[in-house]
Amino acid sequence: MSHYTEFGAKARMIMLQKNIKMKDVAQEIGVSVTYISEIFKGTRPGEKQKPLIAKMLGMVSEEGELR
């Protein structure tokens, strides 16, 4: 997963562990699969979507920070 950002790589690993597909993430937050992929690769900032993705995948600590 070297073409992903650190956030994207962590998200993908969690998705693989939990058997969550990119289309599931896209549907949950209301964007396209392509947009999710671009966020993971760093070609789109996804400032509004990253916190939603992190929350959905359980990447947020109790302090509200991404882990």
PDB file of N, CA and C in Angstrom:
ATOM      1  N   MET A   1       0.827  -1.206   0.000  1.00  0.00           N
ATOM      2  CA  MET A   1       0.000   0.000   0.000  1.00  0.00           C
ATOM      3  C   MET A   1       0.864   1.260   0.000  1.00  0.00           C
ATOM      4  N   SER A   2       1.963   1.198  -0.702  1.00  0.00           N
ATOM      5  CA  SER A   2       2.898   2.314  -0.695  1.00  0.00           C
ATOM      6  C   SER A   2       2.354   3.559  -1.392  1.00  0.00           C
ATOM      7  N   HIS A   3       1.319   3.425  -2.235  1.00  0.00           N
ATOM      8  CA  HIS A   3       0.769   4.590  -2.926  1.00  0.00           C
ATOM      9  C   HIS A   3      -0.251   5.344  -2.082  1.00  0.00           C
ATOM     10  N   TYR A   4      -0.507   4.872  -0.871  1.00  0.00           N
ATOM     11  CA  TYR A   4      -1.439   5.545   0.041  1.00  0.00           C
ATOM     12  C   TYR A   4      -0.692   6.439   1.026  1.00  0.00           C
ATOM     13  N   THR A   5      -1.384   7.452   1.505  1.00  0.00           N
ATOM     14  CA  THR A   5      -0.836   8.267   2.586  1.00  0.00           C
ATOM     15  C   THR A   5      -0.861   7.431   3.875  1.00  0.00           C
ATOM     16  N   GLU A   6      -0.293   7.951   4.920  1.00  0.00           N
ATOM     17  CA  GLU A   6      -0.329   7.247   6.202  1.00  0.00           C
ATOM     18  C   GLU A   6      -1.777   7.013   6.643  1.00  0.00           C
ATOM     19  N   PHE A   7      -2.602   8.032   6.512  1.00  0.00           N
ATOM     20  CA  PHE A   7      -4.026   7.895   6.850  1.00  0.00           C
ATOM     21  C   PHE A   7      -4.679   6.827   5.983  1.00  0.00           C
ATOM     22  N   GLY A   8      -4.430   6.876   4.684  1.00  0.00           N
ATOM     23  CA  GLY A   8      -5.029   5.922   3.758  1.00  0.00           C
ATOM     24  C   GLY A   8      -4.612   4.487   4.039  1.00  0.00           C
ATOM     25  N   ALA A   9      -3.333   4.301   4.349  1.00  0.00           N
ATOM     26  CA  ALA A   9      -2.827   2.959   4.637  1.00  0.00           C
ATOM     27  C   ALA A   9      -3.458   2.393   5.914  1.00  0.00           C
ATOM     28  N   LYS A  10      -3.571   3.234   6.943  1.00  0.00           N
ATOM     29  CA  LYS A  10      -4.205   2.784   8.191  1.00  0.00           C
ATOM     30  C   LYS A  10      -5.671   2.443   7.962  1.00  0.00           C
ATOM     31  N   ALA A  11      -6.354   3.304   7.230  1.00  0.00           N
ATOM     32  CA  ALA A  11      -7.771   3.077   6.943  1.00  0.00           C
ATOM     33  C   ALA A  11      -7.959   1.776   6.167  1.00  0.00           C
ATOM     34  N   ARG A  12      -7.131   1.551   5.150  1.00  0.00           N
ATOM     35  CA  ARG A  12      -7.247   0.331   4.349  1.00  0.00           C
ATOM     36  C   ARG A  12      -6.975  -0.918   5.179  1.00  0.00           C
ATOM     37  N   MET A  13      -6.002  -0.859   6.074  1.00  0.00           N
ATOM     38  CA  MET A  13      -5.716  -2.027   6.912  1.00  0.00           C
ATOM     39  C   MET A  13      -6.914  -2.356   7.795  1.00  0.00           C
ATOM     40  N   ILE A  14      -7.520  -1.336   8.387  1.00  0.00           N
ATOM     41  CA  ILE A  14      -8.706  -1.548   9.223  1.00  0.00           C
ATOM     42  C   ILE A  14      -9.849  -2.092   8.373  1.00  0.00           C
ATOM     43  N   MET A  15     -10.008  -1.533   7.190  1.00  0.00           N
ATOM     44  CA  MET A  15     -11.078  -1.991   6.298  1.00  0.00           C
ATOM     45  C   MET A  15     -10.888  -3.464   5.936  1.00  0.00           C
ATOM     46  N   LEU A  16      -9.668  -3.872   5.671  1.00  0.00           N
ATOM     47  CA  LEU A  16      -9.393  -5.280   5.346  1.00  0.00           C
ATOM     48  C   LEU A  16      -9.698  -6.176   6.543  1.00  0.00           C
ATOM     49  N   GLN A  17      -9.291  -5.739   7.735  1.00  0.00           N
ATOM     50  CA  GLN A  17      -9.531  -6.524   8.948  1.00  0.00           C
ATOM     51  C   GLN A  17     -11.021  -6.683   9.225  1.00  0.00           C
ATOM     52  N   LYS A  18     -11.783  -5.633   8.970  1.00  0.00           N
ATOM     53  CA  LYS A  18     -13.217  -5.642   9.281  1.00  0.00           C
ATOM     54  C   LYS A  18     -14.081  -6.007   8.070  1.00  0.00           C
ATOM     55  N   ASN A  19     -13.429  -6.336   6.959  1.00  0.00           N
ATOM     56  CA  ASN A  19     -14.129  -6.692   5.720  1.00  0.00           C
ATOM     57  C   ASN A  19     -15.092  -5.586   5.267  1.00  0.00           C
ATOM     58  N   ILE A  20     -14.606  -4.348   5.312  1.00  0.00           N
ATOM     59  CA  ILE A  20     -15.377  -3.189   4.866  1.00  0.00           C
ATOM     60  C   ILE A  20     -14.845  -2.787   3.490  1.00  0.00           C
ATOM     61  N   LYS A  21     -15.729  -2.634   2.545  1.00  0.00           N
ATOM     62  CA  LYS A  21     -15.357  -2.259   1.179  1.00  0.00           C
ATOM     63  C   LYS A  21     -15.348  -0.733   1.027  1.00  0.00           C
ATOM     64  N   MET A  22     -14.586  -0.276   0.049  1.00  0.00           N
ATOM     65  CA  MET A  22     -14.523   1.163  -0.211  1.00  0.00           C
ATOM     66  C   MET A  22     -15.896   1.712  -0.562  1.00  0.00           C
ATOM     67  N   LYS A  23     -16.704   0.922  -1.257  1.00  0.00           N
ATOM     68  CA  LYS A  23     -18.053   1.390  -1.607  1.00  0.00           C
ATOM     69  C   LYS A  23     -18.907   1.576  -0.355  1.00  0.00           C
ATOM     70  N   ASP A  24     -18.661   0.762   0.692  1.00  0.00           N
ATOM     71  CA  ASP A  24     -19.392   0.919   1.950  1.00  0.00           C
ATOM     72  C   ASP A  24     -19.034   2.247   2.618  1.00  0.00           C
ATOM     73  N   VAL A  25     -17.757   2.570   2.607  1.00  0.00           N
ATOM     74  CA  VAL A  25     -17.301   3.840   3.188  1.00  0.00           C
ATOM     75  C   VAL A  25     -17.880   4.998   2.389  1.00  0.00           C
ATOM     76  N   ALA A  26     -17.810   4.904   1.068  1.00  0.00           N
ATOM     77  CA  ALA A  26     -18.320   5.970   0.200  1.00  0.00           C
ATOM     78  C   ALA A  26     -19.810   6.209   0.436  1.00  0.00           C
ATOM     79  N   GLN A  27     -20.590   5.116   0.504  1.00  0.00           N
ATOM     80  CA  GLN A  27     -22.037   5.250   0.730  1.00  0.00           C
ATOM     81  C   GLN A  27     -22.319   5.860   2.100  1.00  0.00           C
ATOM     82  N   GLU A  28     -21.580   5.446   3.103  1.00  0.00           N
ATOM     83  CA  GLU A  28     -21.805   5.924   4.471  1.00  0.00           C
ATOM     84  C   GLU A  28     -21.619   7.435   4.583  1.00  0.00           C
ATOM     85  N   ILE A  29     -20.600   7.969   3.904  1.00  0.00           N
ATOM     86  CA  ILE A  29     -20.344   9.404   4.048  1.00  0.00           C
ATOM     87  C   ILE A  29     -20.836  10.232   2.858  1.00  0.00           C
ATOM     88  N   GLY A  30     -21.431   9.570   1.864  1.00  0.00           N
ATOM     89  CA  GLY A  30     -22.089  10.289   0.777  1.00  0.00           C
ATOM     90  C   GLY A  30     -21.192  10.842  -0.306  1.00  0.00           C
ATOM     91  N   VAL A  31     -20.124  10.118  -0.630  1.00  0.00           N
ATOM     92  CA  VAL A  31     -19.253  10.520  -1.731  1.00  0.00           C
ATOM     93  C   VAL A  31     -19.003   9.301  -2.618  1.00  0.00           C
ATOM     94  N   SER A  32     -18.275   9.499  -3.707  1.00  0.00           N
ATOM     95  CA  SER A  32     -17.995   8.394  -4.626  1.00  0.00           C
ATOM     96  C   SER A  32     -16.814   7.556  -4.138  1.00  0.00           C
ATOM     97  N   VAL A  33     -16.719   6.351  -4.659  1.00  0.00           N
ATOM     98  CA  VAL A  33     -15.585   5.470  -4.358  1.00  0.00           C
ATOM     99  C   VAL A  33     -14.289   6.125  -4.841  1.00  0.00           C
ATOM    100  N   THR A  34     -14.356   6.774  -5.987  1.00  0.00           N
ATOM    101  CA  THR A  34     -13.181   7.458  -6.538  1.00  0.00           C
ATOM    102  C   THR A  34     -12.690   8.533  -5.575  1.00  0.00           C
ATOM    103  N   TYR A  35     -13.611   9.272  -4.998  1.00  0.00           N
ATOM    104  CA  TYR A  35     -13.246  10.329  -4.055  1.00  0.00           C
ATOM    105  C   TYR A  35     -12.556   9.738  -2.823  1.00  0.00           C
ATOM    106  N   ILE A  36     -13.080   8.634  -2.301  1.00  0.00           N
ATOM    107  CA  ILE A  36     -12.452   7.962  -1.156  1.00  0.00           C
ATOM    108  C   ILE A  36     -11.038   7.531  -1.528  1.00  0.00           C
ATOM    109  N   SER A  37     -10.887   6.932  -2.694  1.00  0.00           N
ATOM    110  CA  SER A  37      -9.576   6.485  -3.159  1.00  0.00           C
ATOM    111  C   SER A  37      -8.595   7.654  -3.258  1.00  0.00           C
ATOM    112  N   GLU A  38      -9.071   8.781  -3.762  1.00  0.00           N
ATOM    113  CA  GLU A  38      -8.211   9.965  -3.893  1.00  0.00           C
ATOM    114  C   GLU A  38      -7.815  10.528  -2.529  1.00  0.00           C
ATOM    115  N   ILE A  39      -8.705  10.452  -1.556  1.00  0.00           N
ATOM    116  CA  ILE A  39      -8.370  10.876  -0.194  1.00  0.00           C
ATOM    117  C   ILE A  39      -7.272   9.967   0.357  1.00  0.00           C
ATOM    118  N   PHE A  40      -7.430   8.667   0.179  1.00  0.00           N
ATOM    119  CA  PHE A  40      -6.443   7.703   0.676  1.00  0.00           C
ATOM    120  C   PHE A  40      -5.074   7.896   0.014  1.00  0.00           C
ATOM    121  N   LYS A  41      -5.074   8.298  -1.262  1.00  0.00           N
ATOM    122  CA  LYS A  41      -3.820   8.488  -1.993  1.00  0.00           C
ATOM    123  C   LYS A  41      -3.212   9.871  -1.769  1.00  0.00           C
ATOM    124  N   GLY A  42      -4.012  10.780  -1.206  1.00  0.00           N
ATOM    125  CA  GLY A  42      -3.506  12.117  -0.939  1.00  0.00           C
ATOM    126  C   GLY A  42      -3.675  13.085  -2.091  1.00  0.00           C
ATOM    127  N   THR A  43      -4.381  12.682  -3.149  1.00  0.00           N
ATOM    128  CA  THR A  43      -4.599  13.596  -4.274  1.00  0.00           C
ATOM    129  C   THR A  43      -5.776  14.533  -4.023  1.00  0.00           C
ATOM    130  N   ARG A  44      -6.573  14.239  -3.014  1.00  0.00           N
ATOM    131  CA  ARG A  44      -7.645  15.129  -2.532  1.00  0.00           C
ATOM    132  C   ARG A  44      -7.443  15.291  -1.032  1.00  0.00           C
ATOM    133  N   PRO A  45      -7.665  16.503  -0.510  1.00  0.00           N
ATOM    134  CA  PRO A  45      -7.442  16.692   0.937  1.00  0.00           C
ATOM    135  C   PRO A  45      -8.477  15.987   1.811  1.00  0.00           C
ATOM    136  N   GLY A  46      -9.727  15.988   1.418  1.00  0.00           N
ATOM    137  CA  GLY A  46     -10.772  15.311   2.179  1.00  0.00           C
ATOM    138  C   GLY A  46     -10.901  15.795   3.612  1.00  0.00           C
ATOM    139  N   GLU A  47     -10.749  17.102   3.810  1.00  0.00           N
ATOM    140  CA  GLU A  47     -10.769  17.663   5.164  1.00  0.00           C
ATOM    141  C   GLU A  47     -12.069  17.361   5.914  1.00  0.00           C
ATOM    142  N   LYS A  48     -13.188  17.391   5.212  1.00  0.00           N
ATOM    143  CA  LYS A  48     -14.478  17.104   5.858  1.00  0.00           C
ATOM    144  C   LYS A  48     -14.708  15.603   5.991  1.00  0.00           C
ATOM    145  N   GLN A  49     -14.195  14.831   5.036  1.00  0.00           N
ATOM    146  CA  GLN A  49     -14.470  13.401   5.002  1.00  0.00           C
ATOM    147  C   GLN A  49     -13.558  12.580   5.913  1.00  0.00           C
ATOM    148  N   LYS A  50     -12.307  12.988   6.094  1.00  0.00           N
ATOM    149  CA  LYS A  50     -11.366  12.204   6.913  1.00  0.00           C
ATOM    150  C   LYS A  50     -11.890  11.933   8.321  1.00  0.00           C
ATOM    151  N   PRO A  51     -12.414  12.936   9.025  1.00  0.00           N
ATOM    152  CA  PRO A  51     -12.945  12.648  10.368  1.00  0.00           C
ATOM    153  C   PRO A  51     -14.112  11.664  10.332  1.00  0.00           C
ATOM    154  N   LEU A  52     -14.942  11.737   9.298  1.00  0.00           N
ATOM    155  CA  LEU A  52     -16.069  10.809   9.164  1.00  0.00           C
ATOM    156  C   LEU A  52     -15.581   9.387   8.907  1.00  0.00           C
ATOM    157  N   ILE A  53     -14.571   9.274   8.051  1.00  0.00           N
ATOM    158  CA  ILE A  53     -13.989   7.960   7.760  1.00  0.00           C
ATOM    159  C   ILE A  53     -13.353   7.396   9.023  1.00  0.00           C
ATOM    160  N   ALA A  54     -12.605   8.226   9.717  1.00  0.00           N
ATOM    161  CA  ALA A  54     -11.924   7.786  10.937  1.00  0.00           C
ATOM    162  C   ALA A  54     -12.921   7.306  11.984  1.00  0.00           C
ATOM    163  N   LYS A  55     -14.000   8.044  12.133  1.00  0.00           N
ATOM    164  CA  LYS A  55     -15.023   7.655  13.110  1.00  0.00           C
ATOM    165  C   LYS A  55     -15.667   6.333  12.713  1.00  0.00           C
ATOM    166  N   MET A  56     -15.997   6.199  11.441  1.00  0.00           N
ATOM    167  CA  MET A  56     -16.634   4.971  10.945  1.00  0.00           C
ATOM    168  C   MET A  56     -15.752   3.751  11.180  1.00  0.00           C
ATOM    169  N   LEU A  57     -14.441   3.929  11.016  1.00  0.00           N
ATOM    170  CA  LEU A  57     -13.507   2.807  11.129  1.00  0.00           C
ATOM    171  C   LEU A  57     -12.927   2.639  12.533  1.00  0.00           C
ATOM    172  N   GLY A  58     -13.305   3.533  13.447  1.00  0.00           N
ATOM    173  CA  GLY A  58     -12.789   3.434  14.812  1.00  0.00           C
ATOM    174  C   GLY A  58     -11.358   3.899  14.936  1.00  0.00           C
ATOM    175  N   MET A  59     -10.971   4.850  14.128  1.00  0.00           N
ATOM    176  CA  MET A  59      -9.599   5.372  14.147  1.00  0.00           C
ATOM    177  C   MET A  59      -9.445   6.559  15.079  1.00  0.00           C
ATOM    178  N   VAL A  60     -10.500   6.931  15.783  1.00  0.00           N
ATOM    179  CA  VAL A  60     -10.469   8.117  16.638  1.00  0.00           C
ATOM    180  C   VAL A  60     -10.329   7.672  18.084  1.00  0.00           C
ATOM    181  N   SER A  61      -9.365   8.269  18.785  1.00  0.00           N
ATOM    182  CA  SER A  61      -9.158   7.954  20.197  1.00  0.00           C
ATOM    183  C   SER A  61     -10.206   8.676  21.038  1.00  0.00           C
ATOM    184  N   GLU A  62     -10.220   8.386  22.335  1.00  0.00           N
ATOM    185  CA  GLU A  62     -11.166   9.060  23.234  1.00  0.00           C
ATOM    186  C   GLU A  62     -10.962  10.570  23.237  1.00  0.00           C
ATOM    187  N   GLU A  63      -9.729  11.002  22.988  1.00  0.00           N
ATOM    188  CA  GLU A  63      -9.439  12.447  22.983  1.00  0.00           C
ATOM    189  C   GLU A  63      -9.872  13.101  21.673  1.00  0.00           C
ATOM    190  N   GLY A  64     -10.394  12.303  20.747  1.00  0.00           N
ATOM    191  CA  GLY A  64     -10.846  12.845  19.484  1.00  0.00           C
ATOM    192  C   GLY A  64      -9.762  12.999  18.443  1.00  0.00           C
ATOM    193  N   GLU A  65      -8.584  12.435  18.700  1.00  0.00           N
ATOM    194  CA  GLU A  65      -7.485  12.530  17.750  1.00  0.00           C
ATOM    195  C   GLU A  65      -7.407  11.268  16.907  1.00  0.00           C
ATOM    196  N   LEU A  66      -6.960  11.434  15.673  1.00  0.00           N
ATOM    197  CA  LEU A  66      -6.777  10.268  14.808  1.00  0.00           C
ATOM    198  C   LEU A  66      -5.637   9.430  15.342  1.00  0.00           C
ATOM    199  N   ARG A  67      -5.821   8.127  15.295  1.00  0.00           N
ATOM    200  CA  ARG A  67      -4.716   7.260  15.700  1.00  0.00           C
ATOM    201  C   ARG A  67      -4.338   6.334  14.577  1.00  0.00           C
TER     202      ARG A  67
END
